[in-house]
Amino acid sequence: MKHYIHLCAVALGIAWLYAEALALTIGVAVSLSQPSWWASLFPTHTAGIAAWMVLCHTIAILVVALPFAYAIARIYGRLGIVLALGLTLVLYGFDPLPAVVSTFQSSSARM
């Protein structure tokens, strides 16, 4: 029983560290300005900005998530898959899900 309590405490610590690291890294990624040559790759300025934001956001998530995924796999073994899914659902429920729900509630079907 003591072993499971330690594993739960470590899981909570990993979740807290992951959320903090992800928020910091995404903040840094969002603040990066796009290079001057980037705009010439897209037909409109808005498309270039959107693509740059998606690219920076994706790279930031991968930079943070891959070390945590490795640590979870090493510490928890086969149970790590369940833990990673649980952490993903909990963190998604706290941060992006409310924004997504409010966006769909307030926007029209045609946008």
N, C-alpha and C. Protein backbone atom coordinates (compact mmCIF):
# COMPACT_ATOMS: atom_id res chain seq x y z
N MET A 1 0.82 -1.20 0.00
CA MET A 1 0.00 0.00 0.00
C MET A 1 0.86 1.26 0.00
N LYS A 2 1.95 1.20 0.77
CA LYS A 2 2.85 2.35 0.85
C LYS A 2 3.46 2.67 -0.51
N HIS A 3 3.73 1.62 -1.28
CA HIS A 3 4.30 1.79 -2.61
C HIS A 3 3.34 2.57 -3.52
N TYR A 4 2.05 2.25 -3.47
CA TYR A 4 1.06 2.94 -4.30
C TYR A 4 0.88 4.39 -3.88
N ILE A 5 1.00 4.68 -2.60
CA ILE A 5 0.91 6.06 -2.14
C ILE A 5 2.08 6.87 -2.68
N HIS A 6 3.26 6.27 -2.67
CA HIS A 6 4.42 6.96 -3.24
C HIS A 6 4.24 7.19 -4.74
N LEU A 7 3.73 6.18 -5.44
CA LEU A 7 3.50 6.34 -6.88
C LEU A 7 2.47 7.42 -7.18
N CYS A 8 1.44 7.52 -6.36
CA CYS A 8 0.42 8.57 -6.54
C CYS A 8 1.01 9.94 -6.27
N ALA A 9 1.84 10.05 -5.25
CA ALA A 9 2.48 11.33 -4.94
C ALA A 9 3.40 11.76 -6.08
N VAL A 10 4.16 10.81 -6.62
CA VAL A 10 5.04 11.12 -7.75
C VAL A 10 4.20 11.52 -8.96
N ALA A 11 3.08 10.85 -9.20
CA ALA A 11 2.22 11.18 -10.33
C ALA A 11 1.67 12.61 -10.20
N LEU A 12 1.26 12.99 -9.01
CA LEU A 12 0.78 14.36 -8.80
C LEU A 12 1.90 15.37 -9.01
N GLY A 13 3.09 15.05 -8.56
CA GLY A 13 4.23 15.94 -8.79
C GLY A 13 4.56 16.07 -10.27
N ILE A 14 4.51 14.96 -10.98
CA ILE A 14 4.76 15.00 -12.42
C ILE A 14 3.70 15.84 -13.12
N ALA A 15 2.45 15.68 -12.73
CA ALA A 15 1.38 16.47 -13.35
C ALA A 15 1.58 17.96 -13.11
N TRP A 16 1.95 18.33 -11.89
CA TRP A 16 2.17 19.74 -11.58
C TRP A 16 3.36 20.29 -12.36
N LEU A 17 4.47 19.55 -12.38
CA LEU A 17 5.64 20.00 -13.14
C LEU A 17 5.34 20.12 -14.62
N TYR A 18 4.60 19.16 -15.16
CA TYR A 18 4.25 19.19 -16.58
C TYR A 18 3.39 20.42 -16.90
N ALA A 19 2.40 20.69 -16.08
CA ALA A 19 1.53 21.84 -16.34
C ALA A 19 2.32 23.15 -16.27
N GLU A 20 3.21 23.28 -15.30
CA GLU A 20 4.02 24.49 -15.19
C GLU A 20 4.98 24.63 -16.37
N ALA A 21 5.67 23.55 -16.71
CA ALA A 21 6.62 23.58 -17.82
C ALA A 21 5.92 23.86 -19.14
N LEU A 22 4.74 23.28 -19.32
CA LEU A 22 4.00 23.50 -20.55
C LEU A 22 3.54 24.95 -20.68
N ALA A 23 3.04 25.52 -19.61
CA ALA A 23 2.61 26.92 -19.64
C ALA A 23 3.78 27.84 -19.94
N LEU A 24 4.91 27.60 -19.32
CA LEU A 24 6.09 28.44 -19.55
C LEU A 24 6.59 28.31 -20.99
N THR A 25 6.68 27.08 -21.47
CA THR A 25 7.20 26.85 -22.82
C THR A 25 6.26 27.39 -23.89
N ILE A 26 4.97 27.22 -23.72
CA ILE A 26 4.03 27.78 -24.70
C ILE A 26 4.08 29.30 -24.67
N GLY A 27 4.25 29.89 -23.49
CA GLY A 27 4.39 31.34 -23.40
C GLY A 27 5.60 31.85 -24.17
N VAL A 28 6.69 31.14 -24.06
CA VAL A 28 7.90 31.52 -24.81
C VAL A 28 7.66 31.32 -26.31
N ALA A 29 7.03 30.22 -26.68
CA ALA A 29 6.79 29.94 -28.10
C ALA A 29 5.87 30.98 -28.73
N VAL A 30 4.86 31.42 -28.00
CA VAL A 30 3.92 32.40 -28.54
C VAL A 30 4.60 33.76 -28.73
N SER A 31 5.59 34.05 -27.91
CA SER A 31 6.24 35.36 -27.99
C SER A 31 7.26 35.44 -29.14
N LEU A 32 7.57 34.32 -29.77
CA LEU A 32 8.53 34.35 -30.88
C LEU A 32 7.89 34.99 -32.11
N SER A 33 8.61 35.92 -32.70
CA SER A 33 8.09 36.53 -33.93
C SER A 33 8.50 35.65 -35.11
N GLN A 34 7.68 35.71 -36.13
CA GLN A 34 7.98 34.89 -37.30
C GLN A 34 9.13 35.50 -38.10
N PRO A 35 9.94 34.67 -38.73
CA PRO A 35 11.03 35.21 -39.54
C PRO A 35 10.49 35.95 -40.77
N SER A 36 11.30 36.83 -41.31
CA SER A 36 10.85 37.65 -42.44
C SER A 36 10.54 36.81 -43.68
N TRP A 37 11.25 35.71 -43.88
CA TRP A 37 11.02 34.88 -45.06
C TRP A 37 9.76 34.03 -44.93
N TRP A 38 9.21 33.90 -43.75
CA TRP A 38 8.06 33.02 -43.51
C TRP A 38 6.82 33.52 -44.26
N ALA A 39 6.59 34.82 -44.28
CA ALA A 39 5.38 35.37 -44.89
C ALA A 39 5.31 35.08 -46.39
N SER A 40 6.46 34.95 -47.05
CA SER A 40 6.45 34.70 -48.49
C SER A 40 6.02 33.28 -48.84
N LEU A 41 5.94 32.41 -47.86
CA LEU A 41 5.54 31.02 -48.12
C LEU A 41 4.03 30.83 -48.20
N PHE A 42 3.27 31.85 -47.79
CA PHE A 42 1.81 31.72 -47.68
C PHE A 42 1.12 32.79 -48.50
N PRO A 43 -0.09 32.49 -48.99
CA PRO A 43 -0.78 33.45 -49.85
C PRO A 43 -1.26 34.71 -49.12
N THR A 44 -1.58 34.59 -47.84
CA THR A 44 -2.03 35.76 -47.09
C THR A 44 -1.22 35.89 -45.81
N HIS A 45 -1.21 37.11 -45.30
CA HIS A 45 -0.50 37.38 -44.06
C HIS A 45 -1.11 36.61 -42.89
N THR A 46 -2.42 36.52 -42.86
CA THR A 46 -3.11 35.81 -41.78
C THR A 46 -2.78 34.32 -41.79
N ALA A 47 -2.72 33.72 -42.98
CA ALA A 47 -2.37 32.30 -43.08
C ALA A 47 -0.95 32.06 -42.58
N GLY A 48 -0.05 32.97 -42.87
CA GLY A 48 1.33 32.84 -42.41
C GLY A 48 1.43 32.94 -40.90
N ILE A 49 0.70 33.87 -40.31
CA ILE A 49 0.71 34.01 -38.85
C ILE A 49 0.10 32.78 -38.18
N ALA A 50 -1.01 32.30 -38.72
CA ALA A 50 -1.66 31.12 -38.14
C ALA A 50 -0.75 29.90 -38.23
N ALA A 51 -0.11 29.71 -39.36
CA ALA A 51 0.79 28.56 -39.53
C ALA A 51 1.99 28.66 -38.58
N TRP A 52 2.53 29.87 -38.41
CA TRP A 52 3.66 30.06 -37.50
C TRP A 52 3.25 29.76 -36.05
N MET A 53 2.07 30.20 -35.66
CA MET A 53 1.60 29.95 -34.30
C MET A 53 1.40 28.45 -34.07
N VAL A 54 0.81 27.76 -35.03
CA VAL A 54 0.59 26.32 -34.90
C VAL A 54 1.93 25.58 -34.82
N LEU A 55 2.88 25.97 -35.66
CA LEU A 55 4.19 25.33 -35.66
C LEU A 55 4.91 25.54 -34.33
N CYS A 56 4.94 26.76 -33.84
CA CYS A 56 5.61 27.05 -32.56
C CYS A 56 4.92 26.34 -31.40
N HIS A 57 3.61 26.32 -31.41
CA HIS A 57 2.85 25.67 -30.35
C HIS A 57 3.11 24.16 -30.35
N THR A 58 3.12 23.55 -31.52
CA THR A 58 3.36 22.11 -31.64
C THR A 58 4.76 21.74 -31.17
N ILE A 59 5.74 22.51 -31.58
CA ILE A 59 7.12 22.24 -31.16
C ILE A 59 7.26 22.41 -29.65
N ALA A 60 6.61 23.42 -29.08
CA ALA A 60 6.68 23.64 -27.63
C ALA A 60 6.08 22.46 -26.88
N ILE A 61 4.95 21.96 -27.35
CA ILE A 61 4.32 20.82 -26.69
C ILE A 61 5.22 19.58 -26.77
N LEU A 62 5.82 19.35 -27.92
CA LEU A 62 6.70 18.19 -28.06
C LEU A 62 7.94 18.31 -27.19
N VAL A 63 8.51 19.51 -27.11
CA VAL A 63 9.71 19.72 -26.28
C VAL A 63 9.42 19.41 -24.82
N VAL A 64 8.23 19.75 -24.36
CA VAL A 64 7.88 19.50 -22.96
C VAL A 64 7.38 18.07 -22.77
N ALA A 65 6.56 17.57 -23.68
CA ALA A 65 5.90 16.29 -23.47
C ALA A 65 6.83 15.09 -23.59
N LEU A 66 7.77 15.12 -24.49
CA LEU A 66 8.61 13.94 -24.70
C LEU A 66 9.45 13.56 -23.48
N PRO A 67 10.11 14.49 -22.78
CA PRO A 67 10.83 14.09 -21.57
C PRO A 67 9.90 13.55 -20.48
N PHE A 68 8.72 14.14 -20.34
CA PHE A 68 7.77 13.65 -19.34
C PHE A 68 7.25 12.27 -19.73
N ALA A 69 7.02 12.05 -21.01
CA ALA A 69 6.57 10.73 -21.45
C ALA A 69 7.62 9.67 -21.17
N TYR A 70 8.87 10.02 -21.40
CA TYR A 70 9.95 9.08 -21.12
C TYR A 70 10.03 8.78 -19.62
N ALA A 71 9.94 9.82 -18.80
CA ALA A 71 10.00 9.62 -17.35
C ALA A 71 8.83 8.77 -16.85
N ILE A 72 7.64 9.04 -17.34
CA ILE A 72 6.47 8.26 -16.94
C ILE A 72 6.64 6.79 -17.36
N ALA A 73 7.14 6.55 -18.55
CA ALA A 73 7.33 5.19 -19.03
C ALA A 73 8.38 4.46 -18.19
N ARG A 74 9.44 5.14 -17.80
CA ARG A 74 10.49 4.51 -17.00
C ARG A 74 10.03 4.23 -15.58
N ILE A 75 9.28 5.16 -15.00
CA ILE A 75 8.87 5.02 -13.60
C ILE A 75 7.71 4.03 -13.46
N TYR A 76 6.71 4.13 -14.34
CA TYR A 76 5.47 3.38 -14.15
C TYR A 76 5.34 2.15 -15.04
N GLY A 77 6.17 1.98 -16.03
CA GLY A 77 6.09 0.81 -16.91
C GLY A 77 4.76 0.74 -17.65
N ARG A 78 4.11 -0.40 -17.57
CA ARG A 78 2.84 -0.58 -18.29
C ARG A 78 1.72 0.28 -17.73
N LEU A 79 1.80 0.62 -16.46
CA LEU A 79 0.80 1.49 -15.85
C LEU A 79 0.95 2.94 -16.35
N GLY A 80 2.08 3.25 -16.96
CA GLY A 80 2.34 4.60 -17.45
C GLY A 80 1.37 5.05 -18.53
N ILE A 81 0.88 4.11 -19.32
CA ILE A 81 -0.08 4.46 -20.38
C ILE A 81 -1.37 4.97 -19.76
N VAL A 82 -1.85 4.29 -18.75
CA VAL A 82 -3.07 4.71 -18.06
C VAL A 82 -2.84 6.05 -17.36
N LEU A 83 -1.69 6.20 -16.72
CA LEU A 83 -1.37 7.46 -16.05
C LEU A 83 -1.28 8.60 -17.05
N ALA A 84 -0.62 8.39 -18.17
CA ALA A 84 -0.49 9.45 -19.17
C ALA A 84 -1.86 9.85 -19.73
N LEU A 85 -2.72 8.89 -19.97
CA LEU A 85 -4.06 9.20 -20.45
C LEU A 85 -4.84 9.98 -19.40
N GLY A 86 -4.74 9.56 -18.15
CA GLY A 86 -5.42 10.27 -17.07
C GLY A 86 -4.93 11.70 -16.92
N LEU A 87 -3.60 11.89 -16.97
CA LEU A 87 -3.04 13.24 -16.87
C LEU A 87 -3.50 14.11 -18.04
N THR A 88 -3.53 13.52 -19.23
CA THR A 88 -3.96 14.27 -20.40
C THR A 88 -5.41 14.73 -20.26
N LEU A 89 -6.28 13.83 -19.85
CA LEU A 89 -7.69 14.19 -19.71
C LEU A 89 -7.91 15.23 -18.62
N VAL A 90 -7.22 15.09 -17.50
CA VAL A 90 -7.37 16.06 -16.41
C VAL A 90 -6.86 17.43 -16.82
N LEU A 91 -5.68 17.48 -17.41
CA LEU A 91 -5.12 18.78 -17.82
C LEU A 91 -5.95 19.41 -18.94
N TYR A 92 -6.47 18.60 -19.86
CA TYR A 92 -7.32 19.14 -20.92
C TYR A 92 -8.63 19.66 -20.33
N GLY A 93 -9.16 18.98 -19.34
CA GLY A 93 -10.40 19.42 -18.71
C GLY A 93 -10.26 20.73 -17.96
N PHE A 94 -9.08 20.99 -17.41
CA PHE A 94 -8.87 22.22 -16.66
C PHE A 94 -8.55 23.41 -17.54
N ASP A 95 -7.79 23.21 -18.61
CA ASP A 95 -7.33 24.37 -19.36
C ASP A 95 -8.07 24.60 -20.68
N PRO A 96 -7.87 23.82 -21.74
CA PRO A 96 -8.48 24.18 -23.02
C PRO A 96 -9.96 23.86 -23.15
N LEU A 97 -10.45 22.86 -22.47
CA LEU A 97 -11.84 22.45 -22.66
C LEU A 97 -12.85 23.56 -22.37
N PRO A 98 -12.75 24.28 -21.26
CA PRO A 98 -13.72 25.37 -21.03
C PRO A 98 -13.70 26.44 -22.13
N ALA A 99 -12.53 26.75 -22.65
CA ALA A 99 -12.43 27.74 -23.73
C ALA A 99 -13.08 27.22 -25.01
N VAL A 100 -12.86 25.95 -25.31
CA VAL A 100 -13.45 25.35 -26.51
C VAL A 100 -14.97 25.33 -26.40
N VAL A 101 -15.48 24.95 -25.24
CA VAL A 101 -16.93 24.89 -25.03
C VAL A 101 -17.54 26.29 -25.16
N SER A 102 -16.93 27.29 -24.55
CA SER A 102 -17.49 28.64 -24.63
C SER A 102 -17.41 29.19 -26.05
N THR A 103 -16.37 28.83 -26.80
CA THR A 103 -16.27 29.28 -28.19
C THR A 103 -17.39 28.69 -29.03
N PHE A 104 -17.66 27.41 -28.87
CA PHE A 104 -18.73 26.79 -29.64
C PHE A 104 -20.11 27.26 -29.19
N GLN A 105 -20.27 27.64 -27.94
CA GLN A 105 -21.55 28.13 -27.48
C GLN A 105 -21.83 29.53 -28.01
N SER A 106 -20.79 30.34 -28.17
CA SER A 106 -21.02 31.73 -28.53
C SER A 106 -20.91 32.01 -30.03
N SER A 107 -20.38 31.09 -30.82
CA SER A 107 -20.22 31.36 -32.24
C SER A 107 -21.34 30.72 -33.04
N SER A 108 -21.57 31.28 -34.21
CA SER A 108 -22.61 30.72 -35.07
C SER A 108 -22.05 29.50 -35.82
N ALA A 109 -22.93 28.78 -36.46
CA ALA A 109 -22.52 27.58 -37.18
C ALA A 109 -21.70 27.93 -38.41
N ARG A 110 -21.90 29.10 -38.97
CA ARG A 110 -21.16 29.48 -40.18
C ARG A 110 -19.84 30.14 -39.90
N MET A 111 -19.67 30.73 -38.72
CA MET A 111 -18.47 31.47 -38.34
C MET A 111 -18.20 32.49 -39.38
